[in-house]
Amino acid sequence: MVSQGYPHQQGARPCAVAVLGENSPAAPNAAHTPDHFENTMNIYDTLAALNITLPPVAAPAAAYVPFVQTGNLVFLSGHIAKKDGKAWVGQFGANMDTAEGKLAARAIAIDLLGTLHAAVGDLNRVTRIVKLMSLVNSTGSFTEQHLVTNGASELIGEIFGATKGAHARSAFGVAQIPMGACVEIEMIAEVGA
């Protein structure tokens, strides 16, 4: 099967990607390795397959900008978890559990990708997700901040693949986050020309 990519981009060239099944007559070679497919996949096709629509960039809530690019690195400001358009309020160890936190972190990852798209114009230019830093609103006895943050990390890996999506990460438990949000995450990404 061959699919044509980039229908969402005006003036972009189509990209053909061959999908080989286990009964494919093609012999494995360097052109058919997982890295080859990762390098030729279209991020927007992956988002569509996951039924994800990127949101517009949210207006900053204080004196900062949503992103800064220096060289080939893009630094995204912290994004708080939102539910139904409002801050997703809660504290782990008090009134939220890890499973709900993973959903909140996943929602933040989608918002971060919307901002990254606005910053670089085309997510296919991303060569690596470098780092996520996560702040998890939690009581002193809650110790699963890393598992909450997996909600974002796992989605980033699913969208960008095992090489581009693998990132360094920090997850901290904090006493409070602006607006009482349960999670805040920031991102650093590398982009090519």
N, C-alpha and C. Protein backbone atom coordinates (compact mmCIF):
# COMPACT_ATOMS: atom_id res chain seq x y z
N MET A 1 0.85 -1.17 0.00
CA MET A 1 0.00 0.00 0.00
C MET A 1 0.90 1.23 0.00
N VAL A 2 0.55 2.23 -0.76
CA VAL A 2 1.29 3.48 -0.82
C VAL A 2 0.33 4.60 -0.48
N SER A 3 0.71 5.47 0.44
CA SER A 3 -0.15 6.60 0.78
C SER A 3 0.56 7.89 0.42
N GLN A 4 -0.18 8.87 0.03
CA GLN A 4 0.36 10.18 -0.31
C GLN A 4 0.18 11.09 0.90
N GLY A 5 1.24 11.79 1.27
CA GLY A 5 1.20 12.63 2.46
C GLY A 5 1.09 14.10 2.13
N TYR A 6 1.05 14.92 3.17
CA TYR A 6 1.05 16.37 3.13
C TYR A 6 -0.17 17.01 2.47
N PRO A 7 -1.38 16.45 2.54
CA PRO A 7 -2.51 17.11 1.90
C PRO A 7 -2.89 18.41 2.60
N HIS A 8 -2.47 18.59 3.85
CA HIS A 8 -2.84 19.76 4.64
C HIS A 8 -1.94 20.97 4.35
N GLN A 9 -0.86 20.77 3.63
CA GLN A 9 0.09 21.85 3.43
C GLN A 9 0.03 22.35 2.01
N GLN A 10 -0.29 23.61 1.85
CA GLN A 10 -0.37 24.21 0.54
C GLN A 10 1.02 24.30 -0.07
N GLY A 11 1.16 23.81 -1.30
CA GLY A 11 2.43 23.91 -2.01
C GLY A 11 3.47 22.88 -1.61
N ALA A 12 3.14 21.97 -0.69
CA ALA A 12 4.11 20.97 -0.28
C ALA A 12 4.11 19.81 -1.27
N ARG A 13 5.26 19.16 -1.41
CA ARG A 13 5.36 18.03 -2.31
C ARG A 13 4.83 16.78 -1.63
N PRO A 14 4.09 15.93 -2.37
CA PRO A 14 3.62 14.68 -1.78
C PRO A 14 4.78 13.75 -1.45
N CYS A 15 4.57 12.92 -0.47
CA CYS A 15 5.59 11.98 -0.04
C CYS A 15 4.98 10.59 -0.10
N ALA A 16 5.56 9.67 -0.83
CA ALA A 16 5.06 8.31 -0.90
C ALA A 16 5.75 7.48 0.16
N VAL A 17 4.95 6.70 0.89
CA VAL A 17 5.48 5.82 1.92
C VAL A 17 4.95 4.43 1.66
N ALA A 18 5.84 3.48 1.49
CA ALA A 18 5.43 2.10 1.27
C ALA A 18 5.22 1.44 2.62
N VAL A 19 4.13 0.70 2.76
CA VAL A 19 3.85 -0.03 3.98
C VAL A 19 3.96 -1.51 3.63
N LEU A 20 4.92 -2.20 4.24
CA LEU A 20 5.18 -3.59 3.95
C LEU A 20 4.58 -4.47 5.03
N GLY A 21 3.82 -5.46 4.62
CA GLY A 21 3.27 -6.43 5.56
C GLY A 21 4.22 -7.60 5.71
N GLU A 22 3.87 -8.55 6.60
CA GLU A 22 4.77 -9.67 6.81
C GLU A 22 4.83 -10.60 5.61
N ASN A 23 3.84 -10.56 4.70
CA ASN A 23 3.86 -11.38 3.49
C ASN A 23 4.35 -10.60 2.28
N SER A 24 4.98 -9.47 2.49
CA SER A 24 5.47 -8.65 1.40
C SER A 24 6.58 -9.36 0.64
N PRO A 25 6.55 -9.28 -0.70
CA PRO A 25 7.60 -9.93 -1.48
C PRO A 25 8.94 -9.20 -1.39
N ALA A 26 8.95 -7.98 -0.90
CA ALA A 26 10.20 -7.21 -0.84
C ALA A 26 11.10 -7.79 0.25
N ALA A 27 12.34 -7.99 -0.09
CA ALA A 27 13.32 -8.47 0.89
C ALA A 27 13.71 -7.33 1.80
N PRO A 28 13.91 -7.57 3.10
CA PRO A 28 14.33 -6.49 3.99
C PRO A 28 15.67 -5.92 3.55
N ASN A 29 15.78 -4.64 3.62
CA ASN A 29 17.04 -3.96 3.35
C ASN A 29 17.05 -2.64 4.10
N ALA A 30 18.08 -1.87 3.95
CA ALA A 30 18.22 -0.62 4.71
C ALA A 30 17.09 0.35 4.44
N ALA A 31 16.48 0.28 3.24
CA ALA A 31 15.40 1.21 2.91
C ALA A 31 14.10 0.84 3.61
N HIS A 32 14.05 -0.32 4.25
CA HIS A 32 12.81 -0.76 4.89
C HIS A 32 12.97 -0.98 6.38
N THR A 33 13.88 -0.30 7.00
CA THR A 33 14.09 -0.41 8.44
C THR A 33 13.13 0.50 9.19
N PRO A 34 12.90 0.25 10.49
CA PRO A 34 12.03 1.15 11.26
C PRO A 34 12.50 2.60 11.21
N ASP A 35 13.83 2.83 11.24
CA ASP A 35 14.31 4.20 11.16
C ASP A 35 13.92 4.85 9.85
N HIS A 36 13.95 4.07 8.75
CA HIS A 36 13.55 4.60 7.45
C HIS A 36 12.10 5.07 7.51
N PHE A 37 11.22 4.24 8.07
CA PHE A 37 9.81 4.61 8.13
C PHE A 37 9.60 5.82 9.04
N GLU A 38 10.34 5.86 10.16
CA GLU A 38 10.22 7.00 11.07
C GLU A 38 10.63 8.28 10.37
N ASN A 39 11.67 8.21 9.54
CA ASN A 39 12.15 9.40 8.85
C ASN A 39 11.23 9.83 7.72
N THR A 40 10.37 8.94 7.23
CA THR A 40 9.49 9.30 6.12
C THR A 40 8.04 9.49 6.55
N MET A 41 7.72 9.21 7.80
CA MET A 41 6.33 9.35 8.23
C MET A 41 5.95 10.83 8.33
N ASN A 42 4.71 11.10 8.13
CA ASN A 42 4.18 12.45 8.20
C ASN A 42 3.51 12.62 9.57
N ILE A 43 3.99 13.55 10.35
CA ILE A 43 3.46 13.77 11.69
C ILE A 43 1.96 14.06 11.65
N TYR A 44 1.50 14.81 10.66
CA TYR A 44 0.08 15.17 10.59
C TYR A 44 -0.79 13.96 10.27
N ASP A 45 -0.26 13.01 9.50
CA ASP A 45 -0.99 11.76 9.26
C ASP A 45 -1.11 10.97 10.56
N THR A 46 -0.03 10.95 11.34
CA THR A 46 -0.06 10.25 12.63
C THR A 46 -1.06 10.90 13.57
N LEU A 47 -1.07 12.23 13.62
CA LEU A 47 -2.05 12.93 14.46
C LEU A 47 -3.48 12.61 14.03
N ALA A 48 -3.72 12.60 12.72
CA ALA A 48 -5.06 12.29 12.20
C ALA A 48 -5.46 10.86 12.57
N ALA A 49 -4.52 9.92 12.46
CA ALA A 49 -4.81 8.53 12.81
C ALA A 49 -5.15 8.39 14.29
N LEU A 50 -4.58 9.25 15.12
CA LEU A 50 -4.86 9.25 16.56
C LEU A 50 -6.06 10.13 16.92
N ASN A 51 -6.70 10.71 15.89
CA ASN A 51 -7.86 11.59 16.08
C ASN A 51 -7.51 12.80 16.96
N ILE A 52 -6.33 13.36 16.71
CA ILE A 52 -5.86 14.53 17.47
C ILE A 52 -5.90 15.75 16.57
N THR A 53 -6.55 16.80 17.05
CA THR A 53 -6.56 18.09 16.38
C THR A 53 -5.73 19.05 17.23
N LEU A 54 -4.77 19.69 16.59
CA LEU A 54 -3.91 20.61 17.34
C LEU A 54 -4.67 21.90 17.66
N PRO A 55 -4.58 22.33 18.91
CA PRO A 55 -5.24 23.58 19.31
C PRO A 55 -4.39 24.79 18.92
N PRO A 56 -5.01 25.96 18.86
CA PRO A 56 -4.21 27.18 18.64
C PRO A 56 -3.39 27.49 19.89
N VAL A 57 -2.41 28.35 19.73
CA VAL A 57 -1.57 28.75 20.86
C VAL A 57 -2.42 29.54 21.85
N ALA A 58 -2.33 29.17 23.11
CA ALA A 58 -3.04 29.90 24.15
C ALA A 58 -2.31 31.20 24.47
N ALA A 59 -3.08 32.22 24.81
CA ALA A 59 -2.48 33.49 25.21
C ALA A 59 -1.77 33.31 26.54
N PRO A 60 -0.56 33.85 26.68
CA PRO A 60 0.16 33.74 27.96
C PRO A 60 -0.65 34.35 29.11
N ALA A 61 -0.57 33.72 30.27
CA ALA A 61 -1.31 34.18 31.44
C ALA A 61 -0.53 35.19 32.28
N ALA A 62 0.71 35.47 31.89
CA ALA A 62 1.55 36.41 32.64
C ALA A 62 2.56 37.04 31.68
N ALA A 63 3.67 37.55 32.21
CA ALA A 63 4.66 38.27 31.41
C ALA A 63 5.69 37.32 30.81
N TYR A 64 5.29 36.60 29.77
CA TYR A 64 6.20 35.69 29.07
C TYR A 64 5.63 35.44 27.67
N VAL A 65 6.41 34.78 26.83
CA VAL A 65 5.96 34.40 25.49
C VAL A 65 5.79 32.88 25.45
N PRO A 66 4.95 32.37 24.54
CA PRO A 66 4.70 30.93 24.51
C PRO A 66 5.90 30.09 24.07
N PHE A 67 6.79 30.68 23.28
CA PHE A 67 7.96 29.94 22.82
C PHE A 67 9.07 30.91 22.42
N VAL A 68 10.30 30.39 22.45
CA VAL A 68 11.47 31.13 21.98
C VAL A 68 12.32 30.14 21.19
N GLN A 69 12.77 30.58 20.01
CA GLN A 69 13.69 29.75 19.25
C GLN A 69 15.05 30.42 19.24
N THR A 70 16.08 29.65 19.53
CA THR A 70 17.45 30.12 19.42
C THR A 70 18.22 29.03 18.68
N GLY A 71 18.78 29.39 17.54
CA GLY A 71 19.43 28.39 16.70
C GLY A 71 18.39 27.36 16.26
N ASN A 72 18.72 26.09 16.44
CA ASN A 72 17.77 25.06 16.03
C ASN A 72 17.00 24.46 17.21
N LEU A 73 17.05 25.13 18.36
CA LEU A 73 16.29 24.69 19.52
C LEU A 73 15.09 25.60 19.75
N VAL A 74 13.95 24.98 20.05
CA VAL A 74 12.72 25.72 20.36
C VAL A 74 12.34 25.38 21.80
N PHE A 75 12.23 26.41 22.63
CA PHE A 75 11.87 26.26 24.03
C PHE A 75 10.41 26.67 24.19
N LEU A 76 9.57 25.73 24.65
CA LEU A 76 8.16 26.03 24.86
C LEU A 76 7.93 26.30 26.34
N SER A 77 7.25 27.40 26.64
CA SER A 77 6.90 27.73 28.02
C SER A 77 6.00 26.65 28.60
N GLY A 78 5.93 26.61 29.92
CA GLY A 78 5.07 25.63 30.58
C GLY A 78 3.62 25.78 30.17
N HIS A 79 2.97 24.67 29.93
CA HIS A 79 1.54 24.60 29.61
C HIS A 79 0.87 23.85 30.76
N ILE A 80 -0.22 24.41 31.26
CA ILE A 80 -0.96 23.74 32.34
C ILE A 80 -2.02 22.82 31.73
N ALA A 81 -2.40 21.82 32.52
CA ALA A 81 -3.48 20.91 32.11
C ALA A 81 -4.80 21.68 32.06
N LYS A 82 -5.57 21.41 31.01
CA LYS A 82 -6.89 22.03 30.86
C LYS A 82 -7.93 20.96 30.61
N LYS A 83 -9.11 21.21 31.13
CA LYS A 83 -10.25 20.32 30.95
C LYS A 83 -11.44 21.20 30.65
N ASP A 84 -12.09 20.96 29.53
CA ASP A 84 -13.23 21.77 29.10
C ASP A 84 -12.86 23.25 29.00
N GLY A 85 -11.63 23.54 28.57
CA GLY A 85 -11.19 24.91 28.34
C GLY A 85 -10.75 25.67 29.58
N LYS A 86 -10.80 25.04 30.73
CA LYS A 86 -10.40 25.70 31.98
C LYS A 86 -9.27 24.90 32.63
N ALA A 87 -8.58 25.54 33.57
CA ALA A 87 -7.53 24.83 34.29
C ALA A 87 -8.08 23.54 34.89
N TRP A 88 -7.34 22.44 34.67
CA TRP A 88 -7.70 21.14 35.24
C TRP A 88 -7.15 21.15 36.67
N VAL A 89 -8.01 21.48 37.61
CA VAL A 89 -7.62 21.72 39.00
C VAL A 89 -7.60 20.42 39.79
N GLY A 90 -6.57 20.28 40.60
CA GLY A 90 -6.50 19.12 41.48
C GLY A 90 -5.11 18.93 42.03
N GLN A 91 -5.03 18.07 43.04
CA GLN A 91 -3.74 17.76 43.66
C GLN A 91 -3.65 16.25 43.88
N PHE A 92 -2.54 15.69 43.40
CA PHE A 92 -2.33 14.25 43.53
C PHE A 92 -2.02 13.91 44.97
N GLY A 93 -2.62 12.84 45.44
CA GLY A 93 -2.49 12.45 46.83
C GLY A 93 -3.60 13.03 47.68
N ALA A 94 -4.36 13.98 47.12
CA ALA A 94 -5.49 14.58 47.85
C ALA A 94 -6.81 14.24 47.13
N ASN A 95 -6.92 14.66 45.85
CA ASN A 95 -8.20 14.44 45.15
C ASN A 95 -8.03 13.98 43.70
N MET A 96 -6.83 13.55 43.32
CA MET A 96 -6.59 13.02 41.98
C MET A 96 -5.72 11.77 42.08
N ASP A 97 -5.90 10.85 41.12
CA ASP A 97 -5.07 9.65 41.09
C ASP A 97 -4.16 9.66 39.85
N THR A 98 -3.25 8.73 39.82
CA THR A 98 -2.24 8.67 38.75
C THR A 98 -2.87 8.49 37.38
N ALA A 99 -3.89 7.66 37.26
CA ALA A 99 -4.52 7.42 35.96
C ALA A 99 -5.12 8.71 35.40
N GLU A 100 -5.78 9.49 36.23
CA GLU A 100 -6.33 10.77 35.78
C GLU A 100 -5.20 11.74 35.42
N GLY A 101 -4.11 11.66 36.18
CA GLY A 101 -2.96 12.51 35.90
C GLY A 101 -2.34 12.22 34.55
N LYS A 102 -2.28 10.94 34.17
CA LYS A 102 -1.74 10.59 32.85
C LYS A 102 -2.59 11.22 31.75
N LEU A 103 -3.90 11.24 31.93
CA LEU A 103 -4.78 11.89 30.95
C LEU A 103 -4.52 13.39 30.88
N ALA A 104 -4.30 14.00 32.04
CA ALA A 104 -4.01 15.44 32.08
C ALA A 104 -2.69 15.73 31.37
N ALA A 105 -1.66 14.91 31.62
CA ALA A 105 -0.36 15.10 30.98
C ALA A 105 -0.47 14.88 29.47
N ARG A 106 -1.27 13.92 29.05
CA ARG A 106 -1.48 13.68 27.61
C ARG A 106 -2.12 14.91 26.97
N ALA A 107 -3.12 15.49 27.65
CA ALA A 107 -3.78 16.70 27.13
C ALA A 107 -2.77 17.84 26.99
N ILE A 108 -1.86 17.96 27.94
CA ILE A 108 -0.83 19.00 27.85
C ILE A 108 0.07 18.75 26.65
N ALA A 109 0.43 17.50 26.40
CA ALA A 109 1.29 17.18 25.25
C ALA A 109 0.64 17.65 23.96
N ILE A 110 -0.66 17.49 23.83
CA ILE A 110 -1.37 17.95 22.63
C ILE A 110 -1.30 19.47 22.54
N ASP A 111 -1.49 20.16 23.65
CA ASP A 111 -1.37 21.62 23.65
C ASP A 111 0.05 22.06 23.29
N LEU A 112 1.05 21.37 23.83
CA LEU A 112 2.44 21.69 23.50
C LEU A 112 2.70 21.53 22.01
N LEU A 113 2.15 20.48 21.40
CA LEU A 113 2.33 20.26 19.97
C LEU A 113 1.66 21.36 19.15
N GLY A 114 0.53 21.87 19.63
CA GLY A 114 -0.10 23.01 18.95
C GLY A 114 0.80 24.23 18.97
N THR A 115 1.44 24.47 20.11
CA THR A 115 2.37 25.60 20.22
C THR A 115 3.63 25.36 19.38
N LEU A 116 4.14 24.14 19.40
CA LEU A 116 5.32 23.81 18.60
C LEU A 116 5.01 23.99 17.11
N HIS A 117 3.83 23.58 16.69
CA HIS A 117 3.42 23.78 15.29
C HIS A 117 3.43 25.27 14.95
N ALA A 118 2.89 26.09 15.83
CA ALA A 118 2.87 27.54 15.60
C ALA A 118 4.29 28.10 15.54
N ALA A 119 5.18 27.55 16.34
CA ALA A 119 6.56 28.05 16.41
C ALA A 119 7.36 27.71 15.16
N VAL A 120 7.18 26.50 14.63
CA VAL A 120 8.04 26.04 13.53
C VAL A 120 7.32 25.94 12.18
N GLY A 121 6.00 26.04 12.18
CA GLY A 121 5.24 26.03 10.93
C GLY A 121 4.95 24.65 10.38
N ASP A 122 5.74 23.65 10.71
CA ASP A 122 5.56 22.29 10.19
C ASP A 122 6.23 21.33 11.16
N LEU A 123 5.44 20.49 11.81
CA LEU A 123 6.01 19.55 12.79
C LEU A 123 6.93 18.52 12.14
N ASN A 124 6.86 18.36 10.85
CA ASN A 124 7.78 17.46 10.16
C ASN A 124 9.21 17.99 10.17
N ARG A 125 9.40 19.26 10.52
CA ARG A 125 10.74 19.83 10.65
C ARG A 125 11.42 19.43 11.96
N VAL A 126 10.64 18.88 12.90
CA VAL A 126 11.20 18.50 14.20
C VAL A 126 12.13 17.30 14.00
N THR A 127 13.38 17.46 14.43
CA THR A 127 14.36 16.38 14.31
C THR A 127 14.50 15.60 15.62
N ARG A 128 14.07 16.21 16.74
CA ARG A 128 14.15 15.54 18.03
C ARG A 128 13.35 16.30 19.07
N ILE A 129 12.61 15.57 19.88
CA ILE A 129 12.08 16.15 21.11
C ILE A 129 13.21 15.96 22.12
N VAL A 130 13.76 17.06 22.60
CA VAL A 130 14.97 17.00 23.42
C VAL A 130 14.63 16.71 24.88
N LYS A 131 13.67 17.46 25.44
CA LYS A 131 13.39 17.31 26.87
C LYS A 131 11.99 17.78 27.22
N LEU A 132 11.39 17.09 28.18
CA LEU A 132 10.17 17.55 28.85
C LEU A 132 10.52 17.79 30.32
N MET A 133 9.93 18.85 30.89
CA MET A 133 10.03 19.06 32.32
C MET A 133 8.61 19.18 32.85
N SER A 134 8.29 18.37 33.85
CA SER A 134 6.93 18.28 34.35
C SER A 134 6.86 18.67 35.83
N LEU A 135 5.90 19.52 36.14
CA LEU A 135 5.60 19.89 37.52
C LEU A 135 4.26 19.28 37.87
N VAL A 136 4.22 18.48 38.91
CA VAL A 136 3.01 17.75 39.29
C VAL A 136 2.56 18.25 40.66
N ASN A 137 1.38 18.84 40.70
CA ASN A 137 0.79 19.38 41.93
C ASN A 137 0.45 18.20 42.84
N SER A 138 1.21 18.03 43.91
CA SER A 138 1.02 16.83 44.72
C SER A 138 1.30 17.07 46.19
N THR A 139 0.71 16.21 47.00
CA THR A 139 0.98 16.24 48.44
C THR A 139 2.37 15.65 48.68
N GLY A 140 2.88 15.84 49.88
CA GLY A 140 4.20 15.32 50.22
C GLY A 140 4.28 13.81 50.20
N SER A 141 3.15 13.13 50.31
CA SER A 141 3.17 11.66 50.33
C SER A 141 3.01 11.04 48.94
N PHE A 142 2.66 11.84 47.93
CA PHE A 142 2.48 11.31 46.57
C PHE A 142 3.84 11.15 45.91
N THR A 143 4.11 9.96 45.35
CA THR A 143 5.43 9.69 44.79
C THR A 143 5.38 9.17 43.35
N GLU A 144 4.30 9.40 42.63
CA GLU A 144 4.18 8.87 41.27
C GLU A 144 4.19 9.97 40.21
N GLN A 145 4.93 11.04 40.46
CA GLN A 145 5.02 12.13 39.49
C GLN A 145 5.53 11.61 38.14
N HIS A 146 6.49 10.69 38.17
CA HIS A 146 7.05 10.14 36.94
C HIS A 146 6.00 9.37 36.14
N LEU A 147 5.09 8.70 36.82
CA LEU A 147 4.04 7.95 36.12
C LEU A 147 3.00 8.89 35.54
N VAL A 148 2.67 9.96 36.24
CA VAL A 148 1.76 10.98 35.70
C VAL A 148 2.34 11.53 34.40
N THR A 149 3.61 11.88 34.43
CA THR A 149 4.28 12.50 33.28
C THR A 149 4.37 11.54 32.09
N ASN A 150 4.32 10.24 32.35
CA ASN A 150 4.31 9.28 31.25
C ASN A 150 3.17 9.53 30.26
N GLY A 151 2.08 10.13 30.71
CA GLY A 151 0.97 10.44 29.80
C GLY A 151 1.41 11.32 28.65
N ALA A 152 2.32 12.26 28.92
CA ALA A 152 2.86 13.12 27.87
C ALA A 152 3.96 12.40 27.10
N SER A 153 4.88 11.78 27.82
CA SER A 153 6.03 11.13 27.17
C SER A 153 5.59 10.03 26.20
N GLU A 154 4.62 9.22 26.61
CA GLU A 154 4.16 8.13 25.76
C GLU A 154 3.52 8.66 24.48
N LEU A 155 2.73 9.73 24.59
CA LEU A 155 2.11 10.29 23.38
C LEU A 155 3.16 10.89 22.45
N ILE A 156 4.13 11.60 23.01
CA ILE A 156 5.20 12.18 22.19
C ILE A 156 5.94 11.06 21.44
N GLY A 157 6.24 9.97 22.12
CA GLY A 157 6.90 8.83 21.48
C GLY A 157 6.05 8.22 20.39
N GLU A 158 4.75 8.12 20.63
CA GLU A 158 3.85 7.55 19.63
C GLU A 158 3.77 8.43 18.38
N ILE A 159 3.80 9.73 18.56
CA ILE A 159 3.68 10.66 17.44
C ILE A 159 4.99 10.80 16.67
N PHE A 160 6.10 10.95 17.36
CA PHE A 160 7.38 11.23 16.70
C PHE A 160 8.23 9.98 16.47
N GLY A 161 7.87 8.87 17.06
CA GLY A 161 8.63 7.64 16.86
C GLY A 161 9.72 7.45 17.89
N ALA A 162 10.32 6.28 17.84
CA ALA A 162 11.28 5.86 18.87
C ALA A 162 12.56 6.68 18.89
N THR A 163 12.96 7.25 17.77
CA THR A 163 14.20 8.03 17.75
C THR A 163 13.92 9.51 18.01
N LYS A 164 13.09 10.13 17.19
CA LYS A 164 12.80 11.56 17.35
C LYS A 164 12.03 11.85 18.62
N GLY A 165 11.22 10.91 19.06
CA GLY A 165 10.37 11.14 20.22
C GLY A 165 11.00 10.80 21.55
N ALA A 166 12.13 10.08 21.55
CA ALA A 166 12.79 9.72 22.81
C ALA A 166 13.45 10.98 23.38
N HIS A 167 13.15 11.30 24.62
CA HIS A 167 13.60 12.57 25.18
C HIS A 167 14.09 12.41 26.61
N ALA A 168 14.90 13.35 27.02
CA ALA A 168 15.27 13.46 28.44
C ALA A 168 14.07 14.04 29.18
N ARG A 169 14.02 13.84 30.50
CA ARG A 169 12.84 14.31 31.21
C ARG A 169 13.12 14.48 32.69
N SER A 170 12.42 15.45 33.27
CA SER A 170 12.40 15.62 34.72
C SER A 170 10.94 15.71 35.14
N ALA A 171 10.61 15.13 36.28
CA ALA A 171 9.25 15.22 36.83
C ALA A 171 9.37 15.56 38.32
N PHE A 172 8.79 16.66 38.70
CA PHE A 172 8.90 17.15 40.08
C PHE A 172 7.53 17.21 40.74
N GLY A 173 7.49 16.90 42.01
CA GLY A 173 6.31 17.15 42.81
C GLY A 173 6.42 18.54 43.39
N VAL A 174 5.37 19.35 43.23
CA VAL A 174 5.38 20.72 43.74
C VAL A 174 4.12 20.96 44.58
N ALA A 175 4.20 21.94 45.46
CA ALA A 175 3.10 22.22 46.38
C ALA A 175 1.91 22.87 45.69
N GLN A 176 2.15 23.60 44.61
CA GLN A 176 1.05 24.26 43.90
C GLN A 176 1.52 24.68 42.52
N ILE A 177 0.57 24.85 41.61
CA ILE A 177 0.81 25.28 40.24
C ILE A 177 -0.17 26.43 39.97
N PRO A 178 0.17 27.40 39.12
CA PRO A 178 -0.76 28.50 38.84
C PRO A 178 -2.17 28.01 38.54
N MET A 179 -3.14 28.74 39.05
CA MET A 179 -4.57 28.47 38.89
C MET A 179 -5.01 27.15 39.49
N GLY A 180 -4.14 26.54 40.29
CA GLY A 180 -4.49 25.28 40.94
C GLY A 180 -4.42 24.08 40.01
N ALA A 181 -3.82 24.26 38.83
CA ALA A 181 -3.75 23.17 37.85
C ALA A 181 -3.01 21.97 38.44
N CYS A 182 -3.37 20.79 37.95
CA CYS A 182 -2.78 19.56 38.49
C CYS A 182 -1.39 19.27 37.92
N VAL A 183 -1.13 19.69 36.67
CA VAL A 183 0.15 19.40 36.03
C VAL A 183 0.53 20.58 35.14
N GLU A 184 1.83 20.85 35.03
CA GLU A 184 2.37 21.81 34.07
C GLU A 184 3.59 21.17 33.43
N ILE A 185 3.70 21.29 32.11
CA ILE A 185 4.83 20.68 31.40
C ILE A 185 5.39 21.69 30.40
N GLU A 186 6.73 21.72 30.30
CA GLU A 186 7.38 22.52 29.26
C GLU A 186 8.20 21.57 28.39
N MET A 187 8.57 22.05 27.20
CA MET A 187 9.25 21.20 26.22
C MET A 187 10.39 21.94 25.52
N ILE A 188 11.42 21.20 25.17
CA ILE A 188 12.48 21.69 24.29
C ILE A 188 12.52 20.75 23.09
N ALA A 189 12.49 21.33 21.89
CA ALA A 189 12.54 20.55 20.65
C ALA A 189 13.64 21.07 19.75
N GLU A 190 14.19 20.18 18.94
CA GLU A 190 15.19 20.56 17.94
C GLU A 190 14.54 20.49 16.57
N VAL A 191 14.83 21.47 15.73
CA VAL A 191 14.25 21.49 14.39
C VAL A 191 15.36 21.61 13.34
N GLY A 192 15.06 21.07 12.16
CA GLY A 192 15.96 21.19 11.03
C GLY A 192 15.54 22.35 10.15
N ALA A 193 16.21 22.50 9.02
CA ALA A 193 15.92 23.60 8.09
C ALA A 193 14.56 23.44 7.44
